[in-house]
Every structure is written in C-alpha cells, then in structure tokens.
C-alpha cells in the first residue's frame, strides 16, 4: 500500500433494491501480529460511488461512526481505518493508502443481517 499508483483498491456491488449497512475496513499495522512481513505503517480509507468520494477515514477512533463498529471488527491498531454507512444499491470502490510502501488488507462486510444489530 502506498499512494498514487500503489493504492489498494477493492470494488464491490450492493445488489437488490434495498439499502444495506456496510462496513469497510483497511488494516495494516495489526497484520504484523498475524505473521505478515512489512505491513504498512497506517491505512487511510476512501469510499467512492462512481467518481464521487462519499466518505473517508484516517484512523477509526476519529470516525463519527466508531460506536457502530461491532466489537469483533474493531481494528487492533489506531492507525487503521473503518467506514460504516448505509449504502444504496450500486457499484462502489474502496481505496486504501499509506504513507509508506507496506502490505495492507481491505475488507467489506454487509452488517445488515447481523442479529441484534439495529440501524
């Protein structure tokens, strides 16, 4: 993960006719504890619908939606990012970047069906 040409990009589709509660997570520093060599120092995250940026986060603890992150998905490092929001059906891309050229991981979760999770 880095900047410019070295941005990690994941595309996903929200299908159907009903909006979904989606969580996008960019991990990097905590990957070292999982045996990953040279994880990125941090992980900033941007979410796009088409060419329009609709959200960004550079540290999950500063996010206005931090209380909506299920305990099992809270990042282990403050240098990792999360976006949680209700998305209309459509095509999206998540872009993760870092200040260095390290390894990162992008994940997308549909939280709509989680038992006991109200939105």
PDB file of N, CA and C in Angstrom:
ATOM      1  N   UNK A   1       0.845  -1.167   0.000  1.00  0.00           N
ATOM      2  CA  UNK A   1       0.000   0.000   0.000  1.00  0.00           C
ATOM      3  C   UNK A   1       0.888   1.227   0.000  1.00  0.00           C
ATOM      4  N   UNK A   2       0.512   2.210  -0.715  1.00  0.00           N
ATOM      5  CA  UNK A   2       1.251   3.463  -0.732  1.00  0.00           C
ATOM      6  C   UNK A   2       0.332   4.559  -1.204  1.00  0.00           C
ATOM      7  N   UNK A   3       0.811   5.382  -2.094  1.00  0.00           N
ATOM      8  CA  UNK A   3      -0.003   6.456  -2.665  1.00  0.00           C
ATOM      9  C   UNK A   3       0.138   6.395  -4.184  1.00  0.00           C
ATOM     10  N   UNK A   4      -0.662   7.183  -4.885  1.00  0.00           N
ATOM     11  CA  UNK A   4      -0.587   7.225  -6.341  1.00  0.00           C
ATOM     12  C   UNK A   4      -0.898   5.877  -6.950  1.00  0.00           C
ATOM     13  N   UNK A   5       0.061   5.310  -7.668  1.00  0.00           N
ATOM     14  CA  UNK A   5      -0.133   4.024  -8.337  1.00  0.00           C
ATOM     15  C   UNK A   5      -0.173   2.852  -7.363  1.00  0.00           C
ATOM     16  N   UNK A   6       0.204   3.067  -6.131  1.00  0.00           N
ATOM     17  CA  UNK A   6       0.307   1.982  -5.160  1.00  0.00           C
ATOM     18  C   UNK A   6      -0.858   1.934  -4.178  1.00  0.00           C
ATOM     19  N   UNK A   7      -1.998   2.463  -4.558  1.00  0.00           N
ATOM     20  CA  UNK A   7      -3.195   2.425  -3.714  1.00  0.00           C
ATOM     21  C   UNK A   7      -3.864   1.066  -3.882  1.00  0.00           C
ATOM     22  N   UNK A   8      -4.294   0.490  -2.767  1.00  0.00           N
ATOM     23  CA  UNK A   8      -5.033  -0.767  -2.786  1.00  0.00           C
ATOM     24  C   UNK A   8      -6.504  -0.440  -3.044  1.00  0.00           C
ATOM     25  N   UNK A   9      -7.106  -1.055  -4.078  1.00  0.00           N
ATOM     26  CA  UNK A   9      -8.487  -0.753  -4.457  1.00  0.00           C
ATOM     27  C   UNK A   9      -9.300  -2.035  -4.479  1.00  0.00           C
ATOM     28  N   UNK A  10     -10.461  -1.993  -3.819  1.00  0.00           N
ATOM     29  CA  UNK A  10     -11.408  -3.110  -3.837  1.00  0.00           C
ATOM     30  C   UNK A  10     -12.742  -2.594  -4.349  1.00  0.00           C
ATOM     31  N   UNK A  11     -13.295  -3.295  -5.319  1.00  0.00           N
ATOM     32  CA  UNK A  11     -14.613  -2.942  -5.829  1.00  0.00           C
ATOM     33  C   UNK A  11     -15.647  -3.903  -5.270  1.00  0.00           C
ATOM     34  N   UNK A  12     -16.864  -3.387  -5.037  1.00  0.00           N
ATOM     35  CA  UNK A  12     -17.952  -4.241  -4.571  1.00  0.00           C
ATOM     36  C   UNK A  12     -19.285  -3.671  -5.040  1.00  0.00           C
ATOM     37  N   UNK A  13     -20.293  -4.536  -5.042  1.00  0.00           N
ATOM     38  CA  UNK A  13     -21.627  -4.158  -5.509  1.00  0.00           C
ATOM     39  C   UNK A  13     -22.637  -4.400  -4.398  1.00  0.00           C
ATOM     40  N   UNK A  14     -23.486  -3.409  -4.154  1.00  0.00           N
ATOM     41  CA  UNK A  14     -24.640  -3.585  -3.274  1.00  0.00           C
ATOM     42  C   UNK A  14     -25.791  -3.934  -4.204  1.00  0.00           C
ATOM     43  N   UNK A  15     -26.241  -5.186  -4.132  1.00  0.00           N
ATOM     44  CA  UNK A  15     -27.273  -5.680  -5.043  1.00  0.00           C
ATOM     45  C   UNK A  15     -28.670  -5.486  -4.468  1.00  0.00           C
ATOM     46  N   UNK A  16     -29.665  -5.668  -5.346  1.00  0.00           N
ATOM     47  CA  UNK A  16     -31.050  -5.629  -4.924  1.00  0.00           C
ATOM     48  C   UNK A  16     -31.634  -4.241  -5.010  1.00  0.00           C
ATOM     49  N   UNK A  17     -32.702  -4.018  -4.251  1.00  0.00           N
ATOM     50  CA  UNK A  17     -33.398  -2.733  -4.261  1.00  0.00           C
ATOM     51  C   UNK A  17     -33.397  -2.059  -2.886  1.00  0.00           C
ATOM     52  N   UNK A  18     -32.817  -2.734  -1.906  1.00  0.00           N
ATOM     53  CA  UNK A  18     -32.828  -2.238  -0.529  1.00  0.00           C
ATOM     54  C   UNK A  18     -31.440  -1.762  -0.125  1.00  0.00           C
ATOM     55  N   UNK A  19     -31.340  -0.594   0.508  1.00  0.00           N
ATOM     56  CA  UNK A  19     -30.035  -0.162   1.029  1.00  0.00           C
ATOM     57  C   UNK A  19     -29.511  -1.161   2.058  1.00  0.00           C
ATOM     58  N   UNK A  20     -28.184  -1.225   2.182  1.00  0.00           N
ATOM     59  CA  UNK A  20     -27.530  -2.159   3.102  1.00  0.00           C
ATOM     60  C   UNK A  20     -26.580  -1.385   4.016  1.00  0.00           C
ATOM     61  N   UNK A  21     -26.454  -1.866   5.250  1.00  0.00           N
ATOM     62  CA  UNK A  21     -25.475  -1.317   6.176  1.00  0.00           C
ATOM     63  C   UNK A  21     -24.159  -2.035   5.910  1.00  0.00           C
ATOM     64  N   UNK A  22     -23.154  -1.270   5.476  1.00  0.00           N
ATOM     65  CA  UNK A  22     -21.886  -1.841   5.043  1.00  0.00           C
ATOM     66  C   UNK A  22     -20.746  -1.276   5.897  1.00  0.00           C
ATOM     67  N   UNK A  23     -19.794  -2.129   6.217  1.00  0.00           N
ATOM     68  CA  UNK A  23     -18.581  -1.729   6.916  1.00  0.00           C
ATOM     69  C   UNK A  23     -17.402  -2.051   6.010  1.00  0.00           C
ATOM     70  N   UNK A  24     -16.552  -1.049   5.781  1.00  0.00           N
ATOM     71  CA  UNK A  24     -15.325  -1.228   5.008  1.00  0.00           C
ATOM     72  C   UNK A  24     -14.175  -0.967   5.965  1.00  0.00           C
ATOM     73  N   UNK A  25     -13.198  -1.861   5.959  1.00  0.00           N
ATOM     74  CA  UNK A  25     -12.101  -1.790   6.916  1.00  0.00           C
ATOM     75  C   UNK A  25     -10.773  -1.909   6.180  1.00  0.00           C
ATOM     76  N   UNK A  26      -9.832  -1.019   6.516  1.00  0.00           N
ATOM     77  CA  UNK A  26      -8.473  -1.065   5.963  1.00  0.00           C
ATOM     78  C   UNK A  26      -7.510  -1.366   7.105  1.00  0.00           C
ATOM     79  N   UNK A  27      -6.867  -2.504   7.017  1.00  0.00           N
ATOM     80  CA  UNK A  27      -5.923  -2.936   8.054  1.00  0.00           C
ATOM     81  C   UNK A  27      -4.501  -2.871   7.523  1.00  0.00           C
ATOM     82  N   UNK A  28      -3.550  -2.596   8.403  1.00  0.00           N
ATOM     83  CA  UNK A  28      -2.144  -2.608   8.012  1.00  0.00           C
ATOM     84  C   UNK A  28      -1.256  -2.951   9.209  1.00  0.00           C
ATOM     85  N   UNK A  29      -1.031  -2.032  10.168  1.00  0.00           N
ATOM     86  CA  UNK A  29      -0.083  -2.339  11.245  1.00  0.00           C
ATOM     87  C   UNK A  29      -0.397  -3.624  12.012  1.00  0.00           C
ATOM     88  N   UNK A  30      -1.672  -3.921  12.233  1.00  0.00           N
ATOM     89  CA  UNK A  30      -2.025  -5.112  13.019  1.00  0.00           C
ATOM     90  C   UNK A  30      -1.740  -6.413  12.277  1.00  0.00           C
ATOM     91  N   UNK A  31      -1.445  -6.334  10.986  1.00  0.00           N
ATOM     92  CA  UNK A  31      -1.139  -7.545  10.213  1.00  0.00           C
ATOM     93  C   UNK A  31       0.180  -8.187  10.663  1.00  0.00           C
ATOM     94  N   UNK A  32       1.057  -7.395  11.264  1.00  0.00           N
ATOM     95  CA  UNK A  32       2.340  -7.933  11.746  1.00  0.00           C
ATOM     96  C   UNK A  32       2.109  -9.041  12.766  1.00  0.00           C
ATOM     97  N   UNK A  33       1.112  -8.871  13.638  1.00  0.00           N
ATOM     98  CA  UNK A  33       0.800  -9.881  14.653  1.00  0.00           C
ATOM     99  C   UNK A  33       0.274 -11.168  14.029  1.00  0.00           C
ATOM    100  N   UNK A  34      -0.139 -11.094  12.760  1.00  0.00           N
ATOM    101  CA  UNK A  34      -0.643 -12.266  12.042  1.00  0.00           C
ATOM    102  C   UNK A  34       0.422 -12.881  11.144  1.00  0.00           C
ATOM    103  N   UNK A  35       1.659 -12.426  11.310  1.00  0.00           N
ATOM    104  CA  UNK A  35       2.759 -13.008  10.555  1.00  0.00           C
ATOM    105  C   UNK A  35       3.045 -12.363   9.216  1.00  0.00           C
ATOM    106  N   UNK A  36       2.435 -11.223   8.927  1.00  0.00           N
ATOM    107  CA  UNK A  36       2.664 -10.543   7.652  1.00  0.00           C
ATOM    108  C   UNK A  36       3.938  -9.699   7.752  1.00  0.00           C
ATOM    109  N   UNK A  37       4.872  -9.923   6.819  1.00  0.00           N
ATOM    110  CA  UNK A  37       6.102  -9.135   6.767  1.00  0.00           C
ATOM    111  C   UNK A  37       5.825  -7.769   6.155  1.00  0.00           C
ATOM    112  N   UNK A  38       6.436  -6.759   6.708  1.00  0.00           N
ATOM    113  CA  UNK A  38       6.410  -5.396   6.198  1.00  0.00           C
ATOM    114  C   UNK A  38       4.997  -4.818   6.016  1.00  0.00           C
ATOM    115  N   UNK A  39       4.168  -4.850   7.059  1.00  0.00           N
ATOM    116  CA  UNK A  39       2.863  -4.204   6.933  1.00  0.00           C
ATOM    117  C   UNK A  39       3.037  -2.684   6.830  1.00  0.00           C
ATOM    118  N   UNK A  40       2.090  -2.040   6.188  1.00  0.00           N
ATOM    119  CA  UNK A  40       2.126  -0.579   6.071  1.00  0.00           C
ATOM    120  C   UNK A  40       2.042   0.056   7.460  1.00  0.00           C
ATOM    121  N   UNK A  41       2.552   1.264   7.585  1.00  0.00           N
ATOM    122  CA  UNK A  41       2.572   1.968   8.868  1.00  0.00           C
ATOM    123  C   UNK A  41       1.194   2.453   9.292  1.00  0.00           C
ATOM    124  N   UNK A  42       0.342   2.716   8.320  1.00  0.00           N
ATOM    125  CA  UNK A  42      -1.009   3.195   8.593  1.00  0.00           C
ATOM    126  C   UNK A  42      -1.909   2.828   7.422  1.00  0.00           C
ATOM    127  N   UNK A  43      -3.183   3.052   7.567  1.00  0.00           N
ATOM    128  CA  UNK A  43      -4.119   2.719   6.496  1.00  0.00           C
ATOM    129  C   UNK A  43      -5.233   3.756   6.456  1.00  0.00           C
ATOM    130  N   UNK A  44      -5.168   4.653   5.484  1.00  0.00           N
ATOM    131  CA  UNK A  44      -6.227   5.625   5.259  1.00  0.00           C
ATOM    132  C   UNK A  44      -7.202   5.030   4.256  1.00  0.00           C
ATOM    133  N   UNK A  45      -8.463   5.416   4.378  1.00  0.00           N
ATOM    134  CA  UNK A  45      -9.519   4.779   3.593  1.00  0.00           C
ATOM    135  C   UNK A  45     -10.417   5.842   2.963  1.00  0.00           C
ATOM    136  N   UNK A  46     -10.755   5.635   1.693  1.00  0.00           N
ATOM    137  CA  UNK A  46     -11.721   6.478   0.984  1.00  0.00           C
ATOM    138  C   UNK A  46     -12.727   5.575   0.297  1.00  0.00           C
ATOM    139  N   UNK A  47     -13.992   5.972   0.306  1.00  0.00           N
ATOM    140  CA  UNK A  47     -15.062   5.201  -0.315  1.00  0.00           C
ATOM    141  C   UNK A  47     -15.681   6.028  -1.428  1.00  0.00           C
ATOM    142  N   UNK A  48     -15.837   5.398  -2.606  1.00  0.00           N
ATOM    143  CA  UNK A  48     -16.372   6.072  -3.786  1.00  0.00           C
ATOM    144  C   UNK A  48     -17.594   5.334  -4.323  1.00  0.00           C
ATOM    145  N   UNK A  49     -18.521   6.126  -4.840  1.00  0.00           N
ATOM    146  CA  UNK A  49     -19.598   5.598  -5.692  1.00  0.00           C
ATOM    147  C   UNK A  49     -19.385   6.268  -7.029  1.00  0.00           C
ATOM    148  N   UNK A  50     -18.965   5.472  -8.012  1.00  0.00           N
ATOM    149  CA  UNK A  50     -18.533   6.048  -9.279  1.00  0.00           C
ATOM    150  C   UNK A  50     -17.293   6.890  -9.026  1.00  0.00           C
ATOM    151  N   UNK A  51     -17.289   8.116  -9.535  1.00  0.00           N
ATOM    152  CA  UNK A  51     -16.141   9.002  -9.319  1.00  0.00           C
ATOM    153  C   UNK A  51     -16.336   9.925  -8.116  1.00  0.00           C
ATOM    154  N   UNK A  52     -17.467   9.795  -7.429  1.00  0.00           N
ATOM    155  CA  UNK A  52     -17.763  10.647  -6.281  1.00  0.00           C
ATOM    156  C   UNK A  52     -17.276  10.019  -4.977  1.00  0.00           C
ATOM    157  N   UNK A  53     -16.406  10.733  -4.267  1.00  0.00           N
ATOM    158  CA  UNK A  53     -15.984  10.265  -2.948  1.00  0.00           C
ATOM    159  C   UNK A  53     -17.122  10.542  -1.979  1.00  0.00           C
ATOM    160  N   UNK A  54     -17.553   9.489  -1.252  1.00  0.00           N
ATOM    161  CA  UNK A  54     -18.691   9.647  -0.348  1.00  0.00           C
ATOM    162  C   UNK A  54     -18.307   9.555   1.131  1.00  0.00           C
ATOM    163  N   UNK A  55     -17.100   9.085   1.420  1.00  0.00           N
ATOM    164  CA  UNK A  55     -16.644   9.010   2.816  1.00  0.00           C
ATOM    165  C   UNK A  55     -15.136   8.795   2.840  1.00  0.00           C
ATOM    166  N   UNK A  56     -14.542   9.154   3.983  1.00  0.00           N
ATOM    167  CA  UNK A  56     -13.116   8.883   4.189  1.00  0.00           C
ATOM    168  C   UNK A  56     -12.843   8.758   5.670  1.00  0.00           C
ATOM    169  N   UNK A  57     -11.752   8.063   5.987  1.00  0.00           N
ATOM    170  CA  UNK A  57     -11.335   7.894   7.369  1.00  0.00           C
ATOM    171  C   UNK A  57      -9.840   7.629   7.402  1.00  0.00           C
ATOM    172  N   UNK A  58      -9.166   8.262   8.356  1.00  0.00           N
ATOM    173  CA  UNK A  58      -7.727   8.062   8.549  1.00  0.00           C
ATOM    174  C   UNK A  58      -7.446   7.753  10.016  1.00  0.00           C
ATOM    175  N   UNK A  59      -8.082   6.748  10.510  1.00  0.00           N
ATOM    176  CA  UNK A  59      -7.941   6.355  11.909  1.00  0.00           C
ATOM    177  C   UNK A  59      -9.316   6.134  12.506  1.00  0.00           C
ATOM    178  N   UNK A  60      -9.658   4.891  12.744  1.00  0.00           N
ATOM    179  CA  UNK A  60     -11.024   4.522  13.101  1.00  0.00           C
ATOM    180  C   UNK A  60     -11.537   5.222  14.354  1.00  0.00           C
ATOM    181  N   UNK A  61     -10.653   5.581  15.295  1.00  0.00           N
ATOM    182  CA  UNK A  61     -11.121   6.203  16.533  1.00  0.00           C
ATOM    183  C   UNK A  61     -11.612   7.635  16.338  1.00  0.00           C
ATOM    184  N   UNK A  62     -11.255   8.243  15.212  1.00  0.00           N
ATOM    185  CA  UNK A  62     -11.720   9.600  14.927  1.00  0.00           C
ATOM    186  C   UNK A  62     -12.993   9.612  14.086  1.00  0.00           C
ATOM    187  N   UNK A  63     -13.485   8.439  13.720  1.00  0.00           N
ATOM    188  CA  UNK A  63     -14.665   8.350  12.847  1.00  0.00           C
ATOM    189  C   UNK A  63     -15.950   8.621  13.628  1.00  0.00           C
ATOM    190  N   UNK A  64     -16.886   9.363  13.038  1.00  0.00           N
ATOM    191  CA  UNK A  64     -18.156   9.613  13.718  1.00  0.00           C
ATOM    192  C   UNK A  64     -18.979   8.333  13.918  1.00  0.00           C
ATOM    193  N   UNK A  65     -18.673   7.296  13.168  1.00  0.00           N
ATOM    194  CA  UNK A  65     -19.412   6.037  13.252  1.00  0.00           C
ATOM    195  C   UNK A  65     -18.698   4.995  14.104  1.00  0.00           C
ATOM    196  N   UNK A  66     -17.697   5.394  14.889  1.00  0.00           N
ATOM    197  CA  UNK A  66     -16.905   4.412  15.643  1.00  0.00           C
ATOM    198  C   UNK A  66     -17.748   3.587  16.605  1.00  0.00           C
ATOM    199  N   UNK A  67     -18.856   4.117  17.097  1.00  0.00           N
ATOM    200  CA  UNK A  67     -19.713   3.347  18.011  1.00  0.00           C
ATOM    201  C   UNK A  67     -20.545   2.308  17.270  1.00  0.00           C
ATOM    202  N   UNK A  68     -20.573   2.375  15.945  1.00  0.00           N
ATOM    203  CA  UNK A  68     -21.331   1.415  15.141  1.00  0.00           C
ATOM    204  C   UNK A  68     -20.493   0.215  14.708  1.00  0.00           C
ATOM    205  N   UNK A  69     -19.236   0.183  15.083  1.00  0.00           N
ATOM    206  CA  UNK A  69     -18.367  -0.921  14.674  1.00  0.00           C
ATOM    207  C   UNK A  69     -18.585  -2.090  15.631  1.00  0.00           C
ATOM    208  N   UNK A  70     -19.014  -3.247  15.126  1.00  0.00           N
ATOM    209  CA  UNK A  70     -19.159  -4.415  16.009  1.00  0.00           C
ATOM    210  C   UNK A  70     -17.825  -4.745  16.681  1.00  0.00           C
ATOM    211  N   UNK A  71     -17.887  -5.185  17.921  1.00  0.00           N
ATOM    212  CA  UNK A  71     -16.672  -5.468  18.692  1.00  0.00           C
ATOM    213  C   UNK A  71     -15.710  -6.395  17.950  1.00  0.00           C
ATOM    214  N   UNK A  72     -16.245  -7.356  17.219  1.00  0.00           N
ATOM    215  CA  UNK A  72     -15.392  -8.314  16.510  1.00  0.00           C
ATOM    216  C   UNK A  72     -14.667  -7.707  15.309  1.00  0.00           C
ATOM    217  N   UNK A  73     -15.062  -6.497  14.893  1.00  0.00           N
ATOM    218  CA  UNK A  73     -14.446  -5.858  13.725  1.00  0.00           C
ATOM    219  C   UNK A  73     -13.667  -4.590  14.066  1.00  0.00           C
ATOM    220  N   UNK A  74     -13.552  -4.267  15.356  1.00  0.00           N
ATOM    221  CA  UNK A  74     -12.772  -3.102  15.764  1.00  0.00           C
ATOM    222  C   UNK A  74     -11.297  -3.381  15.455  1.00  0.00           C
ATOM    223  N   UNK A  75     -10.643  -2.499  14.701  1.00  0.00           N
ATOM    224  CA  UNK A  75      -9.236  -2.726  14.377  1.00  0.00           C
ATOM    225  C   UNK A  75      -8.358  -2.753  15.635  1.00  0.00           C
ATOM    226  N   UNK A  76      -7.283  -3.522  15.557  1.00  0.00           N
ATOM    227  CA  UNK A  76      -6.360  -3.649  16.681  1.00  0.00           C
ATOM    228  C   UNK A  76      -5.431  -2.447  16.791  1.00  0.00           C
ATOM    229  N   UNK A  77      -5.289  -1.673  15.720  1.00  0.00           N
ATOM    230  CA  UNK A  77      -4.394  -0.523  15.717  1.00  0.00           C
ATOM    231  C   UNK A  77      -5.178   0.761  15.462  1.00  0.00           C
ATOM    232  N   UNK A  78      -4.782   1.820  16.152  1.00  0.00           N
ATOM    233  CA  UNK A  78      -5.395   3.126  15.925  1.00  0.00           C
ATOM    234  C   UNK A  78      -5.036   3.689  14.557  1.00  0.00           C
ATOM    235  N   UNK A  79      -4.032   3.103  13.899  1.00  0.00           N
ATOM    236  CA  UNK A  79      -3.575   3.570  12.588  1.00  0.00           C
ATOM    237  C   UNK A  79      -4.344   2.909  11.445  1.00  0.00           C
ATOM    238  N   UNK A  80      -5.416   2.204  11.759  1.00  0.00           N
ATOM    239  CA  UNK A  80      -6.241   1.538  10.742  1.00  0.00           C
ATOM    240  C   UNK A  80      -7.581   2.250  10.652  1.00  0.00           C
ATOM    241  N   UNK A  81      -8.272   2.068   9.552  1.00  0.00           N
ATOM    242  CA  UNK A  81      -9.465   2.864   9.268  1.00  0.00           C
ATOM    243  C   UNK A  81     -10.695   2.026   9.004  1.00  0.00           C
ATOM    244  N   UNK A  82     -11.855   2.621   9.322  1.00  0.00           N
ATOM    245  CA  UNK A  82     -13.152   1.971   9.110  1.00  0.00           C
ATOM    246  C   UNK A  82     -14.146   3.003   8.616  1.00  0.00           C
ATOM    247  N   UNK A  83     -14.967   2.597   7.673  1.00  0.00           N
ATOM    248  CA  UNK A  83     -16.129   3.380   7.252  1.00  0.00           C
ATOM    249  C   UNK A  83     -17.342   2.486   7.407  1.00  0.00           C
ATOM    250  N   UNK A  84     -18.347   2.975   8.117  1.00  0.00           N
ATOM    251  CA  UNK A  84     -19.602   2.253   8.272  1.00  0.00           C
ATOM    252  C   UNK A  84     -20.720   3.184   7.824  1.00  0.00           C
ATOM    253  N   UNK A  85     -21.509   2.746   6.832  1.00  0.00           N
ATOM    254  CA  UNK A  85     -22.612   3.583   6.383  1.00  0.00           C
ATOM    255  C   UNK A  85     -23.645   2.770   5.615  1.00  0.00           C
ATOM    256  N   UNK A  86     -24.825   3.339   5.513  1.00  0.00           N
ATOM    257  CA  UNK A  86     -25.897   2.719   4.746  1.00  0.00           C
ATOM    258  C   UNK A  86     -25.686   3.096   3.289  1.00  0.00           C
ATOM    259  N   UNK A  87     -25.591   2.085   2.429  1.00  0.00           N
ATOM    260  CA  UNK A  87     -25.334   2.306   1.012  1.00  0.00           C
ATOM    261  C   UNK A  87     -26.516   1.856   0.177  1.00  0.00           C
ATOM    262  N   UNK A  88     -26.893   2.700  -0.784  1.00  0.00           N
ATOM    263  CA  UNK A  88     -27.926   2.333  -1.750  1.00  0.00           C
ATOM    264  C   UNK A  88     -27.354   1.296  -2.712  1.00  0.00           C
ATOM    265  N   UNK A  89     -28.223   0.526  -3.371  1.00  0.00           N
ATOM    266  CA  UNK A  89     -27.728  -0.410  -4.375  1.00  0.00           C
ATOM    267  C   UNK A  89     -26.883   0.326  -5.418  1.00  0.00           C
ATOM    268  N   UNK A  90     -25.783  -0.294  -5.797  1.00  0.00           N
ATOM    269  CA  UNK A  90     -24.891   0.318  -6.783  1.00  0.00           C
ATOM    270  C   UNK A  90     -23.491  -0.249  -6.697  1.00  0.00           C
ATOM    271  N   UNK A  91     -22.614   0.358  -7.471  1.00  0.00           N
ATOM    272  CA  UNK A  91     -21.221  -0.076  -7.572  1.00  0.00           C
ATOM    273  C   UNK A  91     -20.344   0.895  -6.782  1.00  0.00           C
ATOM    274  N   UNK A  92     -19.448   0.333  -5.954  1.00  0.00           N
ATOM    275  CA  UNK A  92     -18.586   1.125  -5.083  1.00  0.00           C
ATOM    276  C   UNK A  92     -17.145   0.657  -5.196  1.00  0.00           C
ATOM    277  N   UNK A  93     -16.221   1.552  -4.855  1.00  0.00           N
ATOM    278  CA  UNK A  93     -14.818   1.167  -4.707  1.00  0.00           C
ATOM    279  C   UNK A  93     -14.299   1.746  -3.400  1.00  0.00           C
ATOM    280  N   UNK A  94     -13.462   0.977  -2.736  1.00  0.00           N
ATOM    281  CA  UNK A  94     -12.775   1.407  -1.527  1.00  0.00           C
ATOM    282  C   UNK A  94     -11.296   1.520  -1.860  1.00  0.00           C
ATOM    283  N   UNK A  95     -10.680   2.625  -1.463  1.00  0.00           N
ATOM    284  CA  UNK A  95      -9.278   2.878  -1.751  1.00  0.00           C
ATOM    285  C   UNK A  95      -8.528   2.996  -0.428  1.00  0.00           C
ATOM    286  N   UNK A  96      -7.526   2.170  -0.228  1.00  0.00           N
ATOM    287  CA  UNK A  96      -6.689   2.234   0.972  1.00  0.00           C
ATOM    288  C   UNK A  96      -5.301   2.699   0.570  1.00  0.00           C
ATOM    289  N   UNK A  97      -4.747   3.602   1.366  1.00  0.00           N
ATOM    290  CA  UNK A  97      -3.404   4.099   1.082  1.00  0.00           C
ATOM    291  C   UNK A  97      -2.640   4.250   2.397  1.00  0.00           C
ATOM    292  N   UNK A  98      -1.334   4.387   2.267  1.00  0.00           N
ATOM    293  CA  UNK A  98      -0.468   4.522   3.432  1.00  0.00           C
ATOM    294  C   UNK A  98       0.652   5.491   3.102  1.00  0.00           C
ATOM    295  N   UNK A  99       1.297   5.983   4.137  1.00  0.00           N
ATOM    296  CA  UNK A  99       2.422   6.896   3.941  1.00  0.00           C
ATOM    297  C   UNK A  99       3.676   6.160   3.476  1.00  0.00           C
ATOM    298  N   UNK A 100       3.646   4.837   3.501  1.00  0.00           N
ATOM    299  CA  UNK A 100       4.795   4.050   3.066  1.00  0.00           C
ATOM    300  C   UNK A 100       4.354   2.943   2.116  1.00  0.00           C
ATOM    301  N   UNK A 101       5.277   2.124   1.698  1.00  0.00           N
ATOM    302  CA  UNK A 101       5.026   1.040   0.745  1.00  0.00           C
ATOM    303  C   UNK A 101       4.952  -0.284   1.487  1.00  0.00           C
ATOM    304  N   UNK A 102       3.945  -0.467   2.327  1.00  0.00           N
ATOM    305  CA  UNK A 102       3.818  -1.715   3.056  1.00  0.00           C
ATOM    306  C   UNK A 102       2.596  -2.506   2.617  1.00  0.00           C
ATOM    307  N   UNK A 103       2.396  -3.636   3.253  1.00  0.00           N
ATOM    308  CA  UNK A 103       1.285  -4.535   2.954  1.00  0.00           C
ATOM    309  C   UNK A 103       0.042  -4.071   3.700  1.00  0.00           C
ATOM    310  N   UNK A 104      -1.098  -4.162   3.053  1.00  0.00           N
ATOM    311  CA  UNK A 104      -2.365  -3.812   3.679  1.00  0.00           C
ATOM    312  C   UNK A 104      -3.455  -4.780   3.270  1.00  0.00           C
ATOM    313  N   UNK A 105      -4.593  -4.669   3.927  1.00  0.00           N
ATOM    314  CA  UNK A 105      -5.739  -5.535   3.661  1.00  0.00           C
ATOM    315  C   UNK A 105      -7.001  -4.683   3.663  1.00  0.00           C
ATOM    316  N   UNK A 106      -7.832  -4.855   2.648  1.00  0.00           N
ATOM    317  CA  UNK A 106      -9.126  -4.185   2.558  1.00  0.00           C
ATOM    318  C   UNK A 106     -10.217  -5.229   2.713  1.00  0.00           C
ATOM    319  N   UNK A 107     -11.211  -4.938   3.571  1.00  0.00           N
ATOM    320  CA  UNK A 107     -12.312  -5.871   3.798  1.00  0.00           C
ATOM    321  C   UNK A 107     -13.637  -5.124   3.694  1.00  0.00           C
ATOM    322  N   UNK A 108     -14.662  -5.824   3.184  1.00  0.00           N
ATOM    323  CA  UNK A 108     -16.002  -5.253   3.072  1.00  0.00           C
ATOM    324  C   UNK A 108     -16.981  -6.233   3.709  1.00  0.00           C
ATOM    325  N   UNK A 109     -17.815  -5.723   4.626  1.00  0.00           N
ATOM    326  CA  UNK A 109     -18.798  -6.547   5.336  1.00  0.00           C
ATOM    327  C   UNK A 109     -20.197  -5.970   5.171  1.00  0.00           C
ATOM    328  N   UNK A 110     -21.173  -6.825   4.960  1.00  0.00           N
ATOM    329  CA  UNK A 110     -22.588  -6.452   4.990  1.00  0.00           C
ATOM    330  C   UNK A 110     -23.082  -6.694   6.412  1.00  0.00           C
ATOM    331  N   UNK A 111     -23.364  -5.629   7.147  1.00  0.00           N
ATOM    332  CA  UNK A 111     -23.798  -5.750   8.529  1.00  0.00           C
ATOM    333  C   UNK A 111     -25.324  -5.834   8.664  1.00  0.00           C
ATOM    334  N   UNK A 112     -26.028  -5.702   7.566  1.00  0.00           N
ATOM    335  CA  UNK A 112     -27.494  -5.616   7.596  1.00  0.00           C
ATOM    336  C   UNK A 112     -28.148  -6.797   8.276  1.00  0.00           C
ATOM    337  N   UNK A 113     -27.601  -7.987   8.136  1.00  0.00           N
ATOM    338  CA  UNK A 113     -28.230  -9.173   8.676  1.00  0.00           C
ATOM    339  C   UNK A 113     -27.720  -9.623  10.024  1.00  0.00           C
ATOM    340  N   UNK A 114     -26.843  -8.836  10.650  1.00  0.00           N
ATOM    341  CA  UNK A 114     -26.304  -9.264  11.941  1.00  0.00           C
ATOM    342  C   UNK A 114     -27.417  -9.287  13.004  1.00  0.00           C
ATOM    343  N   UNK A 115     -27.546 -10.379  13.719  1.00  0.00           N
ATOM    344  CA  UNK A 115     -28.567 -10.450  14.779  1.00  0.00           C
ATOM    345  C   UNK A 115     -28.311  -9.385  15.851  1.00  0.00           C
ATOM    346  N   UNK A 116     -29.343  -8.680  16.225  1.00  0.00           N
ATOM    347  CA  UNK A 116     -29.252  -7.688  17.273  1.00  0.00           C
ATOM    348  C   UNK A 116     -28.624  -6.379  16.861  1.00  0.00           C
ATOM    349  N   UNK A 117     -28.259  -6.241  15.588  1.00  0.00           N
ATOM    350  CA  UNK A 117     -27.645  -5.012  15.118  1.00  0.00           C
ATOM    351  C   UNK A 117     -28.717  -4.141  14.490  1.00  0.00           C
ATOM    352  N   UNK A 118     -29.061  -3.051  15.142  1.00  0.00           N
ATOM    353  CA  UNK A 118     -30.146  -2.172  14.677  1.00  0.00           C
ATOM    354  C   UNK A 118     -29.544  -0.986  13.938  1.00  0.00           C
ATOM    355  N   UNK A 119     -30.150  -0.661  12.805  1.00  0.00           N
ATOM    356  CA  UNK A 119     -29.700   0.503  12.052  1.00  0.00           C
ATOM    357  C   UNK A 119     -30.852   1.271  11.476  1.00  0.00           C
TER     358      UNK A 119
END
